[in-house]
C-alpha atoms as a PDB file:
ATOM      1  CA  MET A   1     186.344 191.721 -46.468  1.00  0.00           C
ATOM      2  CA  GLU A   2     184.516 188.889 -48.160  1.00  0.00           C
ATOM      3  CA  LYS A   3     183.400 189.453 -51.722  1.00  0.00           C
ATOM      4  CA  HIS A   4     179.827 188.446 -50.838  1.00  0.00           C
ATOM      5  CA  LYS A   5     179.642 190.943 -47.939  1.00  0.00           C
ATOM      6  CA  PHE A   6     181.013 193.745 -50.099  1.00  0.00           C
ATOM      7  CA  ARG A   7     178.475 192.975 -52.855  1.00  0.00           C
ATOM      8  CA  THR A   8     175.616 192.900 -50.325  1.00  0.00           C
ATOM      9  CA  ALA A   9     176.753 196.213 -48.825  1.00  0.00           C
ATOM     10  CA  MET A  10     176.813 197.780 -52.296  1.00  0.00           C
ATOM     11  CA  GLN A  11     173.296 196.444 -52.918  1.00  0.00           C
ATOM     12  CA  LEU A  12     172.209 198.001 -49.625  1.00  0.00           C
ATOM     13  CA  PHE A  13     173.693 201.310 -50.761  1.00  0.00           C
ATOM     14  CA  THR A  14     171.846 201.101 -54.098  1.00  0.00           C
ATOM     15  CA  VAL A  15     168.506 200.149 -52.544  1.00  0.00           C
ATOM     16  CA  PHE A  16     168.628 202.914 -49.938  1.00  0.00           C
ATOM     17  CA  PHE A  17     169.920 205.476 -52.444  1.00  0.00           C
ATOM     18  CA  LYS A  18     166.878 204.718 -54.599  1.00  0.00           C
ATOM     19  CA  ILE A  19     164.551 204.952 -51.601  1.00  0.00           C
ATOM     20  CA  GLY A  20     166.138 208.236 -50.505  1.00  0.00           C
ATOM     21  CA  ALA A  21     165.976 209.712 -54.000  1.00  0.00           C
ATOM     22  CA  PHE A  22     162.393 208.855 -54.867  1.00  0.00           C
ATOM     23  CA  THR A  23     160.498 209.111 -51.590  1.00  0.00           C
ATOM     24  CA  PHE A  24     158.920 212.427 -50.701  1.00  0.00           C
ATOM     25  CA  GLY A  25     157.093 213.137 -47.478  1.00  0.00           C
ATOM     26  CA  GLY A  26     159.684 212.209 -44.881  1.00  0.00           C
ATOM     27  CA  GLY A  27     160.794 209.067 -43.116  1.00  0.00           C
ATOM     28  CA  TYR A  28     157.352 207.612 -42.518  1.00  0.00           C
ATOM     29  CA  ALA A  29     156.677 207.683 -46.258  1.00  0.00           C
ATOM     30  CA  MET A  30     159.786 205.515 -46.724  1.00  0.00           C
ATOM     31  CA  ILE A  31     158.615 202.677 -44.494  1.00  0.00           C
ATOM     32  CA  PRO A  32     156.498 200.900 -47.153  1.00  0.00           C
ATOM     33  CA  LEU A  33     159.369 201.161 -49.656  1.00  0.00           C
ATOM     34  CA  ILE A  34     161.890 199.854 -47.145  1.00  0.00           C
ATOM     35  CA  GLN A  35     159.569 196.932 -46.396  1.00  0.00           C
ATOM     36  CA  LYS A  36     158.975 196.187 -50.085  1.00  0.00           C
ATOM     37  CA  GLU A  37     162.655 196.322 -51.031  1.00  0.00           C
ATOM     38  CA  THR A  38     164.204 194.582 -48.026  1.00  0.00           C
ATOM     39  CA  VAL A  39     161.499 191.997 -47.257  1.00  0.00           C
ATOM     40  CA  GLU A  40     159.676 191.270 -50.509  1.00  0.00           C
ATOM     41  CA  ASN A  41     162.259 191.955 -53.219  1.00  0.00           C
ATOM     42  CA  LYS A  42     165.619 191.163 -51.584  1.00  0.00           C
ATOM     43  CA  LYS A  43     164.369 188.876 -48.763  1.00  0.00           C
ATOM     44  CA  TRP A  44     167.123 190.186 -46.500  1.00  0.00           C
ATOM     45  CA  ILE A  45     164.831 190.424 -43.468  1.00  0.00           C
ATOM     46  CA  THR A  46     161.290 189.442 -42.436  1.00  0.00           C
ATOM     47  CA  ASP A  47     158.166 191.482 -41.726  1.00  0.00           C
ATOM     48  CA  ASP A  48     158.744 190.842 -38.019  1.00  0.00           C
ATOM     49  CA  ASP A  49     162.233 192.296 -38.391  1.00  0.00           C
ATOM     50  CA  ILE A  50     160.771 195.403 -40.035  1.00  0.00           C
ATOM     51  CA  LEU A  51     158.373 195.946 -37.127  1.00  0.00           C
ATOM     52  CA  GLU A  52     161.217 195.560 -34.651  1.00  0.00           C
ATOM     53  CA  ILE A  53     163.496 197.872 -36.647  1.00  0.00           C
ATOM     54  CA  MET A  54     160.775 200.537 -36.962  1.00  0.00           C
ATOM     55  CA  ALA A  55     160.112 200.420 -33.225  1.00  0.00           C
ATOM     56  CA  ILE A  56     163.817 200.913 -32.519  1.00  0.00           C
ATOM     57  CA  ALA A  57     164.193 203.584 -35.229  1.00  0.00           C
ATOM     58  CA  GLU A  58     161.247 205.527 -33.809  1.00  0.00           C
ATOM     59  CA  SER A  59     162.545 205.439 -30.267  1.00  0.00           C
ATOM     60  CA  THR A  60     166.138 206.473 -30.968  1.00  0.00           C
ATOM     61  CA  PRO A  61     167.302 210.030 -31.670  1.00  0.00           C
ATOM     62  CA  GLY A  62     167.512 211.089 -35.300  1.00  0.00           C
ATOM     63  CA  PRO A  63     165.409 210.849 -38.431  1.00  0.00           C
ATOM     64  CA  ILE A  64     163.448 207.611 -38.727  1.00  0.00           C
ATOM     65  CA  ALA A  65     164.605 207.064 -42.331  1.00  0.00           C
ATOM     66  CA  VAL A  66     168.276 207.252 -41.387  1.00  0.00           C
ATOM     67  CA  ASN A  67     167.783 205.107 -38.281  1.00  0.00           C
ATOM     68  CA  SER A  68     165.841 202.500 -40.272  1.00  0.00           C
ATOM     69  CA  ALA A  69     168.466 202.341 -43.000  1.00  0.00           C
ATOM     70  CA  THR A  70     171.213 201.987 -40.424  1.00  0.00           C
ATOM     71  CA  PHE A  71     169.428 199.196 -38.540  1.00  0.00           C
ATOM     72  CA  VAL A  72     168.506 197.292 -41.705  1.00  0.00           C
ATOM     73  CA  GLY A  73     172.055 197.610 -43.010  1.00  0.00           C
ATOM     74  CA  TYR A  74     173.487 196.383 -39.727  1.00  0.00           C
ATOM     75  CA  ARG A  75     171.074 193.450 -39.560  1.00  0.00           C
ATOM     76  CA  VAL A  76     171.894 192.415 -43.131  1.00  0.00           C
ATOM     77  CA  CYS A  77     175.628 193.084 -43.360  1.00  0.00           C
ATOM     78  CA  GLY A  78     177.073 194.326 -40.088  1.00  0.00           C
ATOM     79  CA  VAL A  79     178.808 197.669 -39.553  1.00  0.00           C
ATOM     80  CA  PHE A  80     179.817 198.114 -43.208  1.00  0.00           C
ATOM     81  CA  GLY A  81     176.233 197.416 -44.299  1.00  0.00           C
ATOM     82  CA  ALA A  82     174.947 199.968 -41.782  1.00  0.00           C
ATOM     83  CA  LEU A  83     177.409 202.550 -43.109  1.00  0.00           C
ATOM     84  CA  MET A  84     176.515 201.931 -46.762  1.00  0.00           C
ATOM     85  CA  SER A  85     172.754 201.955 -46.085  1.00  0.00           C
ATOM     86  CA  THR A  86     173.022 205.198 -44.139  1.00  0.00           C
ATOM     87  CA  ILE A  87     175.128 206.893 -46.812  1.00  0.00           C
ATOM     88  CA  GLY A  88     172.729 205.608 -49.464  1.00  0.00           C
ATOM     89  CA  VAL A  89     169.612 207.050 -47.838  1.00  0.00           C
ATOM     90  CA  VAL A  90     171.237 210.409 -46.954  1.00  0.00           C
ATOM     91  CA  LEU A  91     173.196 211.075 -50.154  1.00  0.00           C
ATOM     92  CA  PRO A  92     170.251 211.978 -52.449  1.00  0.00           C
ATOM     93  CA  SER A  93     169.026 214.684 -50.057  1.00  0.00           C
ATOM     94  CA  PHE A  94     172.563 215.976 -49.611  1.00  0.00           C
ATOM     95  CA  ILE A  95     173.073 216.219 -53.384  1.00  0.00           C
ATOM     96  CA  ILE A  96     169.706 217.916 -53.976  1.00  0.00           C
ATOM     97  CA  ILE A  97     170.194 220.438 -51.162  1.00  0.00           C
ATOM     98  CA  SER A  98     173.733 221.197 -52.355  1.00  0.00           C
ATOM     99  CA  LEU A  99     172.511 221.860 -55.890  1.00  0.00           C
ATOM    100  CA  ILE A 100     169.647 224.026 -54.672  1.00  0.00           C
ATOM    101  CA  SER A 101     172.021 226.062 -52.488  1.00  0.00           C
ATOM    102  CA  LEU A 102     174.361 226.652 -55.434  1.00  0.00           C
ATOM    103  CA  ILE A 103     171.505 227.804 -57.629  1.00  0.00           C
ATOM    104  CA  LEU A 104     169.888 229.794 -54.845  1.00  0.00           C
ATOM    105  CA  ASN A 105     173.037 231.788 -54.123  1.00  0.00           C
ATOM    106  CA  GLN A 106     173.107 232.939 -57.743  1.00  0.00           C
ATOM    107  CA  PHE A 107     169.412 233.870 -57.859  1.00  0.00           C
ATOM    108  CA  GLN A 108     168.583 234.970 -54.324  1.00  0.00           C
ATOM    109  CA  GLU A 109     168.464 238.655 -55.261  1.00  0.00           C
ATOM    110  CA  LEU A 110     165.815 238.125 -57.937  1.00  0.00           C
ATOM    111  CA  ARG A 111     162.443 239.530 -56.922  1.00  0.00           C
ATOM    112  CA  VAL A 112     160.572 236.343 -57.855  1.00  0.00           C
ATOM    113  CA  VAL A 113     162.884 234.259 -55.616  1.00  0.00           C
ATOM    114  CA  LYS A 114     162.390 236.698 -52.724  1.00  0.00           C
ATOM    115  CA  TYR A 115     158.607 236.456 -53.142  1.00  0.00           C
ATOM    116  CA  ALA A 116     158.793 232.675 -53.333  1.00  0.00           C
ATOM    117  CA  PHE A 117     160.726 232.521 -50.066  1.00  0.00           C
ATOM    118  CA  PHE A 118     158.300 234.942 -48.469  1.00  0.00           C
ATOM    119  CA  GLY A 119     155.564 232.432 -49.273  1.00  0.00           C
ATOM    120  CA  ILE A 120     157.688 229.464 -48.173  1.00  0.00           C
ATOM    121  CA  ARG A 121     158.418 231.118 -44.811  1.00  0.00           C
ATOM    122  CA  ALA A 122     154.694 231.714 -44.316  1.00  0.00           C
ATOM    123  CA  GLY A 123     153.979 228.079 -45.161  1.00  0.00           C
ATOM    124  CA  VAL A 124     156.676 226.816 -42.797  1.00  0.00           C
ATOM    125  CA  LEU A 125     155.283 229.037 -40.036  1.00  0.00           C
ATOM    126  CA  ALA A 126     151.837 227.528 -40.627  1.00  0.00           C
ATOM    127  CA  LEU A 127     153.307 224.007 -40.390  1.00  0.00           C
ATOM    128  CA  LEU A 128     155.089 224.910 -37.147  1.00  0.00           C
ATOM    129  CA  VAL A 129     151.877 226.339 -35.686  1.00  0.00           C
ATOM    130  CA  LYS A 130     150.039 223.154 -36.713  1.00  0.00           C
ATOM    131  CA  ALA A 131     152.723 221.020 -35.032  1.00  0.00           C
ATOM    132  CA  LEU A 132     152.462 223.203 -31.925  1.00  0.00           C
ATOM    133  CA  TRP A 133     148.673 222.815 -31.885  1.00  0.00           C
ATOM    134  CA  THR A 134     148.918 219.020 -32.315  1.00  0.00           C
ATOM    135  CA  MET A 135     151.442 218.786 -29.487  1.00  0.00           C
ATOM    136  CA  PHE A 136     149.329 221.076 -27.301  1.00  0.00           C
ATOM    137  CA  LYS A 137     146.285 218.809 -27.755  1.00  0.00           C
ATOM    138  CA  LYS A 138     148.348 215.762 -26.715  1.00  0.00           C
ATOM    139  CA  CYS A 139     150.011 217.541 -23.789  1.00  0.00           C
ATOM    140  CA  PRO A 140     148.632 216.622 -20.358  1.00  0.00           C
ATOM    141  CA  LYS A 141     146.214 219.289 -19.156  1.00  0.00           C
ATOM    142  CA  GLY A 142     146.857 221.110 -15.898  1.00  0.00           C
ATOM    143  CA  ILE A 143     148.761 223.916 -14.277  1.00  0.00           C
ATOM    144  CA  VAL A 144     152.071 222.008 -14.036  1.00  0.00           C
ATOM    145  CA  PRO A 145     152.399 221.091 -17.750  1.00  0.00           C
ATOM    146  CA  TYR A 146     151.312 224.600 -18.800  1.00  0.00           C
ATOM    147  CA  THR A 147     153.791 226.167 -16.373  1.00  0.00           C
ATOM    148  CA  ILE A 148     156.616 223.953 -17.650  1.00  0.00           C
ATOM    149  CA  ALA A 149     155.740 224.821 -21.275  1.00  0.00           C
ATOM    150  CA  VAL A 150     155.608 228.585 -20.624  1.00  0.00           C
ATOM    151  CA  ALA A 151     158.817 228.476 -18.571  1.00  0.00           C
ATOM    152  CA  ALA A 152     160.581 226.480 -21.309  1.00  0.00           C
ATOM    153  CA  PHE A 153     159.480 229.018 -23.926  1.00  0.00           C
ATOM    154  CA  ILE A 154     160.681 231.974 -21.858  1.00  0.00           C
ATOM    155  CA  ILE A 155     163.984 230.327 -20.919  1.00  0.00           C
ATOM    156  CA  SER A 156     164.844 229.179 -24.449  1.00  0.00           C
ATOM    157  CA  GLY A 157     163.051 231.706 -26.659  1.00  0.00           C
ATOM    158  CA  ILE A 158     163.569 234.921 -24.711  1.00  0.00           C
ATOM    159  CA  LEU A 159     166.562 234.271 -22.456  1.00  0.00           C
ATOM    160  CA  GLY A 160     168.404 232.210 -25.088  1.00  0.00           C
ATOM    161  CA  VAL A 161     169.357 229.294 -22.836  1.00  0.00           C
ATOM    162  CA  ASN A 162     170.579 226.201 -24.729  1.00  0.00           C
ATOM    163  CA  VAL A 163     167.652 223.981 -25.751  1.00  0.00           C
ATOM    164  CA  LEU A 164     169.329 220.819 -24.430  1.00  0.00           C
ATOM    165  CA  ILE A 165     169.505 222.355 -20.958  1.00  0.00           C
ATOM    166  CA  VAL A 166     165.843 223.352 -21.228  1.00  0.00           C
ATOM    167  CA  ILE A 167     164.820 219.810 -22.239  1.00  0.00           C
ATOM    168  CA  VAL A 168     166.728 218.284 -19.317  1.00  0.00           C
ATOM    169  CA  GLY A 169     165.169 220.873 -16.991  1.00  0.00           C
ATOM    170  CA  CYS A 170     161.685 220.096 -18.311  1.00  0.00           C
ATOM    171  CA  ALA A 171     162.266 216.386 -17.814  1.00  0.00           C
ATOM    172  CA  ALA A 172     163.434 217.017 -14.241  1.00  0.00           C
ATOM    173  CA  ALA A 173     160.445 219.271 -13.526  1.00  0.00           C
ATOM    174  CA  GLY A 174     158.055 216.646 -14.906  1.00  0.00           C
ATOM    175  CA  LEU A 175     159.710 213.937 -12.831  1.00  0.00           C
ATOM    176  CA  VAL A 176     159.527 216.019  -9.651  1.00  0.00           C
ATOM    177  CA  ALA A 177     155.864 216.878 -10.320  1.00  0.00           C
ATOM    178  CA  SER A 178     155.055 213.194 -10.893  1.00  0.00           C
ATOM    179  CA  LEU A 179     156.803 212.170  -7.652  1.00  0.00           C
ATOM    180  CA  ILE A 180     154.938 214.845  -5.690  1.00  0.00           C
ATOM    181  CA  ASN A 181     151.613 213.714  -7.187  1.00  0.00           C
ATOM    182  CA  ALA A 182     152.441 210.084  -6.401  1.00  0.00           C
ATOM    183  CA  LYS A 183     153.243 210.970  -2.764  1.00  0.00           C
ATOM    184  CA  LYS A 184     149.995 212.939  -2.482  1.00  0.00           C
ATOM    185  CA  SER A 185     148.068 209.989  -3.898  1.00  0.00           C
ATOM    186  CA  ASP A 186     149.791 207.535  -1.530  1.00  0.00           C
ATOM    187  CA  GLY A 187     149.244 209.887   1.428  1.00  0.00           C
ATOM    188  CA  GLY A 188     145.550 210.278   0.599  1.00  0.00           C
ATOM    189  CA  ALA A 189     145.110 206.520   0.185  1.00  0.00           C
ATOM    190  CA  ALA A 190     146.830 205.791   3.543  1.00  0.00           C
ATOM    191  CA  LYS A 191     144.337 207.889   5.526  1.00  0.00           C
END
């Protein structure tokens, strides 16, 4: 490997390690830092590249921060750059979570820790309910979407069917419902 490519890949690692270590609030909070570091400071890519990378990172499976780091790294320095950027952005969280788990195992029986986790679980439940409410408001209204949602809940939550199977089934049900509606619309327009 060329010395220049190796040095660039190490710089990618450092930049994304710093972004991963000092950004709180999830992947979307990292976007301005990624733009500042990769476009303004390092001039590796352009603002147009950032928009393109964010669009791809949003539409592919996985966390947007990891996807963005991978795409920027690949654009700047190929496969090795993608690998180093991805490791750089993930490593701080991995280290922090590992340390917390070590400490937590030693203190989990303390009453104050139990109370803290009782509160954390309540807070997480509230966040999940908020996410559910937000998704419900954006969900198409009608008997078919509500039926699919209730069926998916029963099949995955109560019957314990694998979530991937449920998602594929929901996609198929939505597709079938759309095709039926399209045929009804075409049939009504033909008369």
